[in-house]
N, C-alpha and C. Protein backbone atom coordinates (compact mmCIF):
# COMPACT_ATOMS: atom_id res chain seq x y z
N MET A 1 1.49 15.99 8.84
CA MET A 1 2.10 14.95 8.05
C MET A 1 1.74 13.58 8.61
N GLY A 2 1.05 12.78 7.85
CA GLY A 2 0.72 11.43 8.26
C GLY A 2 -0.53 11.30 9.10
N ILE A 3 -0.69 12.16 10.09
CA ILE A 3 -1.85 12.04 10.98
C ILE A 3 -3.15 12.28 10.22
N GLU A 4 -3.12 13.15 9.21
CA GLU A 4 -4.32 13.36 8.39
C GLU A 4 -4.70 12.09 7.65
N GLU A 5 -3.68 11.36 7.17
CA GLU A 5 -3.94 10.11 6.46
C GLU A 5 -4.51 9.06 7.42
N VAL A 6 -3.98 9.02 8.65
CA VAL A 6 -4.51 8.09 9.66
C VAL A 6 -6.00 8.36 9.86
N LYS A 7 -6.35 9.63 10.04
CA LYS A 7 -7.76 10.00 10.24
C LYS A 7 -8.60 9.66 9.02
N ARG A 8 -8.08 9.96 7.83
CA ARG A 8 -8.81 9.70 6.58
C ARG A 8 -9.10 8.20 6.42
N ILE A 9 -8.11 7.38 6.70
CA ILE A 9 -8.27 5.93 6.56
C ILE A 9 -9.26 5.40 7.59
N LYS A 10 -9.14 5.86 8.82
CA LYS A 10 -10.08 5.41 9.85
C LYS A 10 -11.51 5.81 9.49
N GLU A 11 -11.68 6.98 8.89
CA GLU A 11 -13.02 7.41 8.45
C GLU A 11 -13.58 6.48 7.37
N VAL A 12 -12.74 6.08 6.42
CA VAL A 12 -13.19 5.16 5.38
C VAL A 12 -13.61 3.84 6.00
N PHE A 13 -12.78 3.29 6.88
CA PHE A 13 -13.12 2.02 7.53
C PHE A 13 -14.42 2.14 8.31
N SER A 14 -14.60 3.24 9.03
CA SER A 14 -15.81 3.46 9.82
C SER A 14 -17.04 3.58 8.91
N LYS A 15 -16.91 4.38 7.86
CA LYS A 15 -18.02 4.59 6.92
C LYS A 15 -18.46 3.27 6.29
N LEU A 16 -17.48 2.41 5.96
CA LEU A 16 -17.78 1.12 5.33
C LEU A 16 -18.11 0.03 6.35
N LYS A 17 -18.05 0.38 7.65
CA LYS A 17 -18.38 -0.54 8.75
C LYS A 17 -17.53 -1.82 8.69
N LEU A 18 -16.22 -1.64 8.62
CA LEU A 18 -15.31 -2.77 8.50
C LEU A 18 -14.72 -3.16 9.86
N ASN A 19 -14.29 -4.42 9.94
CA ASN A 19 -13.73 -4.98 11.16
C ASN A 19 -12.22 -4.79 11.17
N THR A 20 -11.78 -3.76 11.86
CA THR A 20 -10.36 -3.44 11.89
C THR A 20 -9.83 -3.48 13.32
N THR A 21 -8.55 -3.75 13.43
CA THR A 21 -7.85 -3.64 14.70
C THR A 21 -6.69 -2.69 14.47
N TYR A 22 -6.67 -1.59 15.22
CA TYR A 22 -5.60 -0.60 15.07
C TYR A 22 -4.46 -0.94 16.02
N LEU A 23 -3.24 -0.80 15.53
CA LEU A 23 -2.05 -1.11 16.29
C LEU A 23 -1.15 0.12 16.37
N GLU A 24 -0.62 0.39 17.55
CA GLU A 24 0.42 1.41 17.70
C GLU A 24 1.66 0.70 18.19
N HIS A 25 2.81 1.06 17.62
CA HIS A 25 4.04 0.33 17.88
C HIS A 25 5.25 1.23 17.65
N GLU A 26 6.42 0.66 17.86
CA GLU A 26 7.66 1.39 17.58
C GLU A 26 7.68 1.76 16.10
N PRO A 27 8.38 2.82 15.74
CA PRO A 27 8.46 3.19 14.31
C PRO A 27 9.12 2.08 13.48
N VAL A 28 8.53 1.81 12.32
CA VAL A 28 9.08 0.83 11.38
C VAL A 28 9.14 1.46 10.00
N ILE A 29 10.15 1.08 9.25
CA ILE A 29 10.28 1.59 7.89
C ILE A 29 10.13 0.46 6.88
N THR A 30 10.78 -0.67 7.14
CA THR A 30 10.75 -1.77 6.17
C THR A 30 9.58 -2.70 6.44
N SER A 31 9.19 -3.41 5.42
CA SER A 31 8.13 -4.41 5.56
C SER A 31 8.54 -5.51 6.53
N GLU A 32 9.82 -5.87 6.50
CA GLU A 32 10.33 -6.91 7.40
C GLU A 32 10.19 -6.49 8.85
N ASP A 33 10.60 -5.24 9.15
CA ASP A 33 10.48 -4.73 10.52
C ASP A 33 9.02 -4.65 10.95
N ALA A 34 8.17 -4.22 10.04
CA ALA A 34 6.74 -4.11 10.35
C ALA A 34 6.15 -5.48 10.68
N ALA A 35 6.49 -6.48 9.89
CA ALA A 35 5.97 -7.83 10.14
C ALA A 35 6.41 -8.34 11.51
N LYS A 36 7.68 -8.11 11.85
CA LYS A 36 8.19 -8.58 13.15
C LYS A 36 7.48 -7.89 14.30
N ILE A 37 7.34 -6.59 14.22
CA ILE A 37 6.76 -5.85 15.34
C ILE A 37 5.27 -6.14 15.49
N ARG A 38 4.60 -6.43 14.37
CA ARG A 38 3.16 -6.75 14.43
C ARG A 38 2.93 -8.21 14.81
N GLY A 39 3.96 -9.06 14.67
CA GLY A 39 3.81 -10.49 14.93
C GLY A 39 3.11 -11.21 13.79
N PHE A 40 3.30 -10.73 12.56
CA PHE A 40 2.66 -11.31 11.38
C PHE A 40 3.72 -11.89 10.46
N GLU A 41 3.26 -12.66 9.50
CA GLU A 41 4.15 -13.12 8.43
C GLU A 41 4.36 -11.97 7.45
N LEU A 42 5.53 -11.92 6.84
CA LEU A 42 5.84 -10.86 5.89
C LEU A 42 4.79 -10.77 4.78
N LYS A 43 4.36 -11.93 4.27
CA LYS A 43 3.42 -11.94 3.14
C LYS A 43 2.06 -11.33 3.49
N GLN A 44 1.75 -11.17 4.78
CA GLN A 44 0.46 -10.59 5.17
C GLN A 44 0.44 -9.07 5.03
N GLY A 45 1.59 -8.48 4.89
CA GLY A 45 1.65 -7.03 4.74
C GLY A 45 1.29 -6.59 3.34
N ILE A 46 0.70 -5.43 3.24
CA ILE A 46 0.47 -4.79 1.94
C ILE A 46 1.37 -3.58 1.90
N LYS A 47 2.29 -3.54 0.94
CA LYS A 47 3.13 -2.36 0.82
C LYS A 47 2.70 -1.55 -0.39
N ALA A 48 2.74 -0.24 -0.19
CA ALA A 48 2.32 0.71 -1.22
C ALA A 48 3.56 1.39 -1.78
N ILE A 49 3.79 1.19 -3.07
CA ILE A 49 4.96 1.73 -3.74
C ILE A 49 4.50 2.90 -4.63
N VAL A 50 5.10 4.07 -4.42
CA VAL A 50 4.77 5.24 -5.23
C VAL A 50 5.70 5.24 -6.44
N LEU A 51 5.09 5.28 -7.62
CA LEU A 51 5.85 5.24 -8.88
C LEU A 51 5.53 6.47 -9.71
N THR A 52 6.48 6.84 -10.56
CA THR A 52 6.30 8.00 -11.42
C THR A 52 6.99 7.79 -12.76
N ASP A 53 6.51 8.53 -13.76
CA ASP A 53 7.20 8.59 -15.06
C ASP A 53 7.70 10.02 -15.28
N GLU A 54 7.92 10.73 -14.20
CA GLU A 54 8.39 12.12 -14.15
C GLU A 54 7.26 13.13 -14.19
N SER A 55 6.12 12.79 -14.79
CA SER A 55 5.02 13.77 -14.81
C SER A 55 3.73 13.22 -14.20
N ASN A 56 3.62 11.93 -14.06
CA ASN A 56 2.45 11.28 -13.48
C ASN A 56 2.88 10.40 -12.32
N PHE A 57 1.94 10.15 -11.41
CA PHE A 57 2.23 9.30 -10.26
C PHE A 57 1.12 8.27 -10.09
N ALA A 58 1.48 7.12 -9.52
CA ALA A 58 0.51 6.07 -9.21
C ALA A 58 1.05 5.29 -8.00
N ILE A 59 0.17 4.53 -7.38
CA ILE A 59 0.53 3.69 -6.25
C ILE A 59 0.33 2.24 -6.69
N ALA A 60 1.32 1.39 -6.44
CA ALA A 60 1.19 -0.05 -6.67
C ALA A 60 1.17 -0.72 -5.31
N ASP A 61 0.07 -1.41 -5.00
CA ASP A 61 -0.07 -2.15 -3.75
C ASP A 61 0.27 -3.60 -4.03
N ILE A 62 1.28 -4.11 -3.33
CA ILE A 62 1.69 -5.50 -3.52
C ILE A 62 1.90 -6.16 -2.16
N SER A 63 1.91 -7.47 -2.16
CA SER A 63 2.21 -8.21 -0.94
C SER A 63 3.63 -7.88 -0.51
N ALA A 64 3.84 -7.72 0.79
CA ALA A 64 5.11 -7.22 1.31
C ALA A 64 6.30 -8.12 1.01
N HIS A 65 6.08 -9.37 0.67
CA HIS A 65 7.21 -10.26 0.38
C HIS A 65 7.61 -10.24 -1.09
N GLN A 66 6.97 -9.39 -1.87
CA GLN A 66 7.25 -9.34 -3.30
C GLN A 66 7.81 -7.98 -3.70
N LYS A 67 8.22 -7.90 -4.95
CA LYS A 67 8.72 -6.65 -5.53
C LYS A 67 7.77 -6.23 -6.64
N VAL A 68 7.63 -4.94 -6.81
CA VAL A 68 6.76 -4.42 -7.86
C VAL A 68 7.46 -4.58 -9.22
N ASP A 69 6.69 -4.94 -10.22
CA ASP A 69 7.20 -5.03 -11.59
C ASP A 69 6.88 -3.70 -12.27
N GLN A 70 7.89 -2.84 -12.34
CA GLN A 70 7.67 -1.50 -12.87
C GLN A 70 7.24 -1.52 -14.34
N LYS A 71 7.70 -2.50 -15.09
CA LYS A 71 7.31 -2.58 -16.51
C LYS A 71 5.81 -2.88 -16.64
N LYS A 72 5.31 -3.73 -15.77
CA LYS A 72 3.87 -4.03 -15.80
C LYS A 72 3.04 -2.81 -15.42
N VAL A 73 3.53 -2.06 -14.44
CA VAL A 73 2.83 -0.84 -14.04
C VAL A 73 2.86 0.17 -15.18
N ALA A 74 4.04 0.34 -15.79
CA ALA A 74 4.17 1.28 -16.91
C ALA A 74 3.21 0.91 -18.03
N SER A 75 3.13 -0.36 -18.33
CA SER A 75 2.24 -0.83 -19.39
C SER A 75 0.77 -0.51 -19.05
N GLN A 76 0.37 -0.79 -17.81
CA GLN A 76 -1.00 -0.52 -17.37
C GLN A 76 -1.33 0.97 -17.44
N MET A 77 -0.37 1.80 -17.07
CA MET A 77 -0.58 3.24 -17.00
C MET A 77 -0.35 3.94 -18.33
N GLY A 78 0.20 3.22 -19.31
CA GLY A 78 0.52 3.85 -20.59
C GLY A 78 1.75 4.74 -20.52
N TRP A 79 2.64 4.40 -19.60
CA TRP A 79 3.88 5.15 -19.41
C TRP A 79 5.01 4.48 -20.17
N SER A 80 6.07 5.23 -20.41
CA SER A 80 7.29 4.69 -21.01
C SER A 80 7.96 3.74 -20.02
N LYS A 81 8.28 2.55 -20.48
CA LYS A 81 8.96 1.58 -19.61
C LYS A 81 10.37 2.06 -19.25
N GLY A 82 10.92 2.97 -20.05
CA GLY A 82 12.25 3.50 -19.78
C GLY A 82 12.25 4.68 -18.81
N LYS A 83 11.09 5.24 -18.55
CA LYS A 83 11.02 6.43 -17.67
C LYS A 83 10.44 6.14 -16.29
N ILE A 84 9.78 5.01 -16.11
CA ILE A 84 9.16 4.73 -14.81
C ILE A 84 10.25 4.49 -13.76
N ARG A 85 9.97 4.99 -12.57
CA ARG A 85 10.88 4.79 -11.44
C ARG A 85 10.09 4.95 -10.15
N MET A 86 10.73 4.51 -9.06
CA MET A 86 10.12 4.73 -7.75
C MET A 86 10.29 6.20 -7.40
N ALA A 87 9.27 6.76 -6.80
CA ALA A 87 9.33 8.16 -6.38
C ALA A 87 10.35 8.32 -5.26
N ASN A 88 10.97 9.49 -5.21
CA ASN A 88 11.94 9.74 -4.14
C ASN A 88 11.20 10.19 -2.87
N GLU A 89 11.95 10.33 -1.81
CA GLU A 89 11.36 10.65 -0.51
C GLU A 89 10.53 11.94 -0.54
N GLN A 90 11.04 12.96 -1.20
CA GLN A 90 10.33 14.24 -1.29
C GLN A 90 9.03 14.08 -2.08
N GLU A 91 9.08 13.36 -3.20
CA GLU A 91 7.88 13.14 -4.01
C GLU A 91 6.84 12.32 -3.25
N VAL A 92 7.29 11.32 -2.52
CA VAL A 92 6.37 10.50 -1.73
C VAL A 92 5.65 11.38 -0.71
N MET A 93 6.39 12.21 -0.01
CA MET A 93 5.79 13.09 1.00
C MET A 93 4.80 14.05 0.34
N GLU A 94 5.20 14.64 -0.79
CA GLU A 94 4.35 15.60 -1.48
C GLU A 94 3.04 14.98 -1.96
N LYS A 95 3.11 13.78 -2.51
CA LYS A 95 1.92 13.15 -3.10
C LYS A 95 1.04 12.41 -2.09
N THR A 96 1.67 11.84 -1.05
CA THR A 96 0.89 11.02 -0.12
C THR A 96 0.68 11.65 1.24
N GLY A 97 1.54 12.61 1.60
CA GLY A 97 1.49 13.18 2.93
C GLY A 97 2.16 12.30 3.97
N CYS A 98 2.90 11.28 3.52
CA CYS A 98 3.52 10.31 4.43
C CYS A 98 5.02 10.16 4.17
N GLU A 99 5.71 9.75 5.22
CA GLU A 99 7.12 9.40 5.09
C GLU A 99 7.25 8.05 4.42
N LEU A 100 8.43 7.78 3.84
CA LEU A 100 8.71 6.45 3.33
C LEU A 100 8.49 5.44 4.46
N GLY A 101 7.90 4.33 4.15
CA GLY A 101 7.63 3.31 5.16
C GLY A 101 6.29 3.46 5.85
N ALA A 102 5.59 4.56 5.61
CA ALA A 102 4.30 4.79 6.26
C ALA A 102 3.16 4.91 5.27
N VAL A 103 3.47 4.83 3.98
CA VAL A 103 2.46 5.04 2.94
C VAL A 103 1.42 3.91 2.97
N PRO A 104 0.15 4.25 3.13
CA PRO A 104 -0.90 3.23 3.13
C PRO A 104 -1.33 2.86 1.71
N PRO A 105 -2.04 1.76 1.56
CA PRO A 105 -2.49 1.34 0.22
C PRO A 105 -3.53 2.26 -0.41
N PHE A 106 -4.14 3.15 0.36
CA PHE A 106 -5.14 4.09 -0.14
C PHE A 106 -5.21 5.25 0.85
N GLY A 107 -6.00 6.28 0.53
CA GLY A 107 -6.22 7.38 1.45
C GLY A 107 -5.13 8.43 1.45
N HIS A 108 -4.53 8.65 0.30
CA HIS A 108 -3.40 9.57 0.20
C HIS A 108 -3.84 11.03 0.10
N LYS A 109 -2.92 11.91 0.42
CA LYS A 109 -3.14 13.36 0.35
C LYS A 109 -3.63 13.77 -1.04
N THR A 110 -2.97 13.26 -2.07
CA THR A 110 -3.34 13.53 -3.46
C THR A 110 -4.03 12.29 -4.01
N LYS A 111 -5.13 12.47 -4.71
CA LYS A 111 -5.82 11.33 -5.32
C LYS A 111 -4.95 10.78 -6.45
N LEU A 112 -4.49 9.54 -6.30
CA LEU A 112 -3.63 8.88 -7.27
C LEU A 112 -4.30 7.60 -7.74
N GLN A 113 -3.97 7.18 -8.95
CA GLN A 113 -4.46 5.89 -9.42
C GLN A 113 -3.79 4.80 -8.58
N ILE A 114 -4.57 3.86 -8.11
CA ILE A 114 -4.05 2.77 -7.30
C ILE A 114 -4.17 1.48 -8.09
N LEU A 115 -3.06 0.76 -8.16
CA LEU A 115 -3.00 -0.55 -8.81
C LEU A 115 -2.79 -1.60 -7.72
N VAL A 116 -3.62 -2.61 -7.67
CA VAL A 116 -3.51 -3.63 -6.63
C VAL A 116 -3.16 -4.97 -7.27
N ASP A 117 -2.04 -5.52 -6.84
CA ASP A 117 -1.65 -6.85 -7.31
C ASP A 117 -2.58 -7.90 -6.69
N LYS A 118 -3.03 -8.83 -7.52
CA LYS A 118 -3.96 -9.88 -7.07
C LYS A 118 -3.40 -10.69 -5.90
N GLY A 119 -2.08 -10.74 -5.78
CA GLY A 119 -1.45 -11.50 -4.71
C GLY A 119 -1.78 -11.01 -3.32
N VAL A 120 -2.23 -9.76 -3.17
CA VAL A 120 -2.57 -9.28 -1.82
C VAL A 120 -3.78 -10.01 -1.26
N PHE A 121 -4.56 -10.66 -2.12
CA PHE A 121 -5.76 -11.35 -1.66
C PHE A 121 -5.50 -12.80 -1.25
N ASP A 122 -4.22 -13.21 -1.24
CA ASP A 122 -3.87 -14.58 -0.89
C ASP A 122 -3.90 -14.86 0.61
N ASN A 123 -4.07 -13.84 1.42
CA ASN A 123 -4.06 -14.01 2.88
C ASN A 123 -5.43 -13.78 3.47
N GLU A 124 -5.68 -14.42 4.60
CA GLU A 124 -6.94 -14.24 5.30
C GLU A 124 -6.97 -12.87 6.00
N ILE A 125 -5.82 -12.48 6.56
CA ILE A 125 -5.69 -11.21 7.27
C ILE A 125 -4.57 -10.40 6.62
N SER A 126 -4.77 -9.10 6.49
CA SER A 126 -3.74 -8.20 5.97
C SER A 126 -3.42 -7.14 7.01
N ALA A 127 -2.23 -6.57 6.87
CA ALA A 127 -1.81 -5.50 7.77
C ALA A 127 -0.98 -4.50 6.97
N PHE A 128 -1.06 -3.24 7.38
CA PHE A 128 -0.26 -2.21 6.73
C PHE A 128 -0.25 -0.95 7.57
N ASN A 129 0.76 -0.11 7.34
CA ASN A 129 0.82 1.19 8.00
C ASN A 129 -0.27 2.07 7.42
N ILE A 130 -0.77 2.98 8.25
CA ILE A 130 -1.89 3.82 7.83
C ILE A 130 -1.55 5.31 7.84
N GLY A 131 -0.31 5.63 7.51
CA GLY A 131 0.05 7.04 7.39
C GLY A 131 1.19 7.47 8.28
N LEU A 132 1.44 6.73 9.33
CA LEU A 132 2.56 6.98 10.23
C LEU A 132 3.33 5.68 10.42
N ARG A 133 4.62 5.80 10.66
CA ARG A 133 5.45 4.60 10.87
C ARG A 133 5.10 3.88 12.17
N THR A 134 4.33 4.52 13.01
CA THR A 134 3.96 3.96 14.32
C THR A 134 2.52 3.47 14.39
N HIS A 135 1.77 3.57 13.30
CA HIS A 135 0.36 3.20 13.29
C HIS A 135 0.07 2.22 12.16
N SER A 136 -0.53 1.09 12.53
CA SER A 136 -0.89 0.06 11.55
C SER A 136 -2.33 -0.36 11.76
N VAL A 137 -2.81 -1.13 10.82
CA VAL A 137 -4.13 -1.73 10.95
C VAL A 137 -4.05 -3.19 10.55
N LYS A 138 -4.86 -4.00 11.19
CA LYS A 138 -5.05 -5.40 10.83
C LYS A 138 -6.50 -5.51 10.38
N ILE A 139 -6.72 -6.13 9.22
CA ILE A 139 -8.06 -6.18 8.65
C ILE A 139 -8.23 -7.49 7.87
N PRO A 140 -9.42 -8.09 7.92
CA PRO A 140 -9.66 -9.25 7.06
C PRO A 140 -9.46 -8.84 5.60
N THR A 141 -8.71 -9.62 4.88
CA THR A 141 -8.37 -9.27 3.50
C THR A 141 -9.61 -9.14 2.63
N GLU A 142 -10.61 -9.95 2.88
CA GLU A 142 -11.85 -9.83 2.09
C GLU A 142 -12.48 -8.45 2.27
N GLU A 143 -12.28 -7.84 3.43
CA GLU A 143 -12.82 -6.50 3.64
C GLU A 143 -12.01 -5.45 2.90
N MET A 144 -10.75 -5.76 2.61
CA MET A 144 -9.95 -4.84 1.78
C MET A 144 -10.53 -4.79 0.37
N ARG A 145 -11.16 -5.86 -0.08
CA ARG A 145 -11.82 -5.83 -1.39
C ARG A 145 -12.89 -4.73 -1.42
N ILE A 146 -13.60 -4.59 -0.31
CA ILE A 146 -14.63 -3.56 -0.20
C ILE A 146 -13.99 -2.18 -0.32
N VAL A 147 -12.89 -1.99 0.40
CA VAL A 147 -12.17 -0.72 0.35
C VAL A 147 -11.69 -0.45 -1.07
N PHE A 148 -11.08 -1.45 -1.69
CA PHE A 148 -10.53 -1.26 -3.03
C PHE A 148 -11.64 -0.97 -4.05
N GLU A 149 -12.80 -1.59 -3.90
CA GLU A 149 -13.93 -1.26 -4.78
C GLU A 149 -14.35 0.19 -4.57
N HIS A 150 -14.41 0.61 -3.32
CA HIS A 150 -14.76 1.99 -2.97
C HIS A 150 -13.77 2.98 -3.57
N GLU A 151 -12.50 2.60 -3.61
CA GLU A 151 -11.43 3.46 -4.12
C GLU A 151 -11.24 3.36 -5.64
N LYS A 152 -11.99 2.47 -6.29
CA LYS A 152 -11.92 2.29 -7.75
C LYS A 152 -10.49 1.99 -8.23
N VAL A 153 -9.89 0.98 -7.59
CA VAL A 153 -8.54 0.58 -7.96
C VAL A 153 -8.57 -0.27 -9.22
N ILE A 154 -7.40 -0.48 -9.78
CA ILE A 154 -7.23 -1.42 -10.90
C ILE A 154 -6.53 -2.65 -10.34
N GLU A 155 -7.18 -3.80 -10.45
CA GLU A 155 -6.55 -5.06 -10.01
C GLU A 155 -5.83 -5.69 -11.19
N GLY A 156 -4.71 -6.34 -10.90
CA GLY A 156 -3.95 -7.00 -11.96
C GLY A 156 -2.74 -7.71 -11.41
N ASP A 157 -1.83 -8.02 -12.31
CA ASP A 157 -0.59 -8.70 -11.96
C ASP A 157 0.53 -7.66 -12.02
N PHE A 158 0.93 -7.15 -10.86
CA PHE A 158 1.93 -6.09 -10.80
C PHE A 158 3.17 -6.47 -10.00
N ALA A 159 3.30 -7.75 -9.61
CA ALA A 159 4.46 -8.22 -8.86
C ALA A 159 5.45 -8.88 -9.82
N LYS A 160 6.76 -8.76 -9.49
CA LYS A 160 7.80 -9.34 -10.33
C LYS A 160 7.80 -10.85 -10.27
N PHE A 161 7.52 -11.38 -9.11
CA PHE A 161 7.53 -12.83 -8.95
C PHE A 161 6.57 -13.20 -7.85
N ARG A 162 6.18 -14.42 -7.87
CA ARG A 162 5.30 -14.92 -6.82
C ARG A 162 6.07 -16.00 -6.07
N THR A 163 6.14 -15.85 -4.77
CA THR A 163 6.76 -16.88 -3.95
C THR A 163 5.68 -17.50 -3.10
N LEU A 164 5.85 -18.75 -2.79
CA LEU A 164 4.82 -19.48 -2.06
C LEU A 164 5.26 -19.72 -0.63
N ASN A 165 4.27 -19.74 0.26
CA ASN A 165 4.47 -20.14 1.66
C ASN A 165 5.53 -19.33 2.40
N LEU A 166 5.53 -18.03 2.24
CA LEU A 166 6.45 -17.20 3.01
C LEU A 166 5.75 -16.62 4.21
């Protein structure tokens, strides 16, 4: 659980020859705790939200200081706006191989459609957990574009609101 995702993500970064810094730290669950322990601003984090309409699943990657707009995700995925919800802990583990708080923006156990909010590209450096609550990566955000192209994500506007200078 989780360690396979750590290995999978590190393999992708290595294959794409990206400049990453791996961090090991105390376990964190929330984006706020992760930002504090990494010494980063909250907005530099990328959080991966697992969403479902009861029969389909997708991942929405958004800046850690924002909330996902489930209606926008439902619209993009062709799901009912009345049925979309965040996946529960068991569903997250089943689909991603990770505990809540450790889900990475890509590299999941099950191949899922990934939606990336454009706001994640507002930072020079990004950070996120890579499959375990104790393992993170720091990467130039422009290099995440390379990863996202490799993963064939859908970019768009998937955040509920945009806040500035957080």
